[in-house]
């Protein structure tokens, strides 16, 4: 009888943990659209590619980029070289490229 109570408690804790983790997960498509807007829109993006955890994008006009908003979205860092912006996104970089490919 005692074991059943422990099993029930563990199951309840697992359900709560899953609910918390799902609530913290953001809708990635919305994030992709926000990132594109922060980069100046689709018309401002010339090329983009992924290298491990970095999302590299070449832009027509880098001055229209909202770097603060990109940082707030979870970018771990950014490097600007001429008209290219390298955004360190961690594991989401590959997922981001796939989502942008799907939008085209």
Protein backbone atom coordinates (compact mmCIF):
# COMPACT_ATOMS: atom_id res chain seq x y z
CA UNK A 1 0.00 0.00 0.00
CA UNK A 2 2.81 2.37 0.88
CA UNK A 3 4.48 1.78 -2.51
CA UNK A 4 1.35 2.81 -4.35
CA UNK A 5 1.35 6.17 -2.57
CA UNK A 6 4.96 6.76 -3.58
CA UNK A 7 4.23 5.82 -7.18
CA UNK A 8 1.24 8.18 -7.28
CA UNK A 9 3.32 11.02 -5.80
CA UNK A 10 6.10 10.45 -8.34
CA UNK A 11 3.60 10.42 -11.22
CA UNK A 12 2.04 13.67 -10.02
CA UNK A 13 5.47 15.30 -9.76
CA UNK A 14 6.33 14.14 -13.29
CA UNK A 15 3.11 15.62 -14.67
CA UNK A 16 3.81 18.92 -12.91
CA UNK A 17 7.40 18.97 -14.22
CA UNK A 18 6.19 18.33 -17.79
CA UNK A 19 3.58 21.07 -17.51
CA UNK A 20 6.18 23.56 -16.29
CA UNK A 21 8.67 22.69 -19.05
CA UNK A 22 6.00 23.01 -21.76
CA UNK A 23 4.80 26.36 -20.42
CA UNK A 24 8.34 27.75 -20.58
CA UNK A 25 8.82 26.61 -24.17
CA UNK A 26 8.04 29.43 -26.59
CA UNK A 27 6.40 29.08 -29.96
CA UNK A 28 9.50 28.94 -32.16
CA UNK A 29 7.71 30.14 -35.33
CA UNK A 30 6.72 33.34 -33.56
CA UNK A 31 10.34 33.81 -32.49
CA UNK A 32 11.52 33.32 -36.09
CA UNK A 33 9.14 36.02 -37.32
CA UNK A 34 10.30 38.38 -34.56
CA UNK A 35 13.94 37.73 -35.45
CA UNK A 36 13.29 38.43 -39.13
CA UNK A 37 11.61 41.71 -38.16
CA UNK A 38 14.56 42.59 -35.90
CA UNK A 39 16.91 41.99 -38.82
CA UNK A 40 15.04 44.55 -40.91
CA UNK A 41 12.60 42.21 -42.63
CA UNK A 42 13.01 39.59 -45.32
CA UNK A 43 13.96 42.18 -47.93
CA UNK A 44 17.01 43.18 -45.85
CA UNK A 45 18.39 39.61 -45.68
CA UNK A 46 20.78 38.70 -48.52
CA UNK A 47 22.02 35.30 -47.30
CA UNK A 48 21.97 33.28 -44.12
CA UNK A 49 23.67 30.12 -42.91
CA UNK A 50 24.26 28.12 -39.77
CA UNK A 51 27.63 27.07 -38.37
CA UNK A 52 27.21 25.01 -35.19
CA UNK A 53 25.59 27.38 -32.69
CA UNK A 54 25.95 30.52 -34.81
CA UNK A 55 23.38 31.97 -37.16
CA UNK A 56 25.21 34.11 -39.72
CA UNK A 57 23.26 36.55 -41.83
CA UNK A 58 24.43 38.97 -44.53
CA UNK A 59 22.29 42.09 -44.76
CA UNK A 60 21.72 44.93 -47.19
CA UNK A 61 21.63 47.52 -44.39
CA UNK A 62 22.95 46.50 -40.97
CA UNK A 63 21.98 49.86 -39.42
CA UNK A 64 18.29 48.86 -39.29
CA UNK A 65 18.98 45.80 -37.11
CA UNK A 66 17.45 45.93 -33.62
CA UNK A 67 20.29 44.30 -31.69
CA UNK A 68 18.74 44.91 -28.27
CA UNK A 69 15.60 43.00 -29.24
CA UNK A 70 17.69 40.11 -30.59
CA UNK A 71 19.58 39.98 -27.27
CA UNK A 72 16.27 39.93 -25.37
CA UNK A 73 15.07 37.03 -27.52
CA UNK A 74 17.86 34.89 -26.09
CA UNK A 75 20.91 35.50 -28.25
CA UNK A 76 24.00 34.62 -26.25
CA UNK A 77 26.10 37.09 -28.21
CA UNK A 78 26.55 38.92 -31.51
CA UNK A 79 29.44 39.90 -33.72
CA UNK A 80 29.11 42.49 -36.48
CA UNK A 81 31.59 42.47 -39.37
CA UNK A 82 30.82 44.84 -42.28
CA UNK A 83 27.32 43.86 -43.41
CA UNK A 84 27.38 40.44 -41.76
CA UNK A 85 25.93 39.67 -38.35
CA UNK A 86 26.84 36.51 -36.45
CA UNK A 87 24.30 35.67 -33.76
CA UNK A 88 25.16 33.00 -31.19
CA UNK A 89 21.95 31.09 -30.51
CA UNK A 90 23.15 27.77 -29.15
CA UNK A 91 21.21 24.66 -30.13
CA UNK A 92 18.39 26.66 -31.74
CA UNK A 93 20.52 27.84 -34.67
CA UNK A 94 19.82 24.82 -36.90
CA UNK A 95 16.14 24.85 -36.01
CA UNK A 96 16.01 28.55 -36.87
CA UNK A 97 17.51 28.02 -40.32
CA UNK A 98 14.98 25.29 -41.07
CA UNK A 99 12.10 27.52 -40.00
CA UNK A 100 13.32 30.40 -42.18
CA UNK A 101 13.73 28.01 -45.12
CA UNK A 102 10.12 26.93 -44.62
CA UNK A 103 8.94 30.55 -44.67
CA UNK A 104 10.34 31.18 -48.16
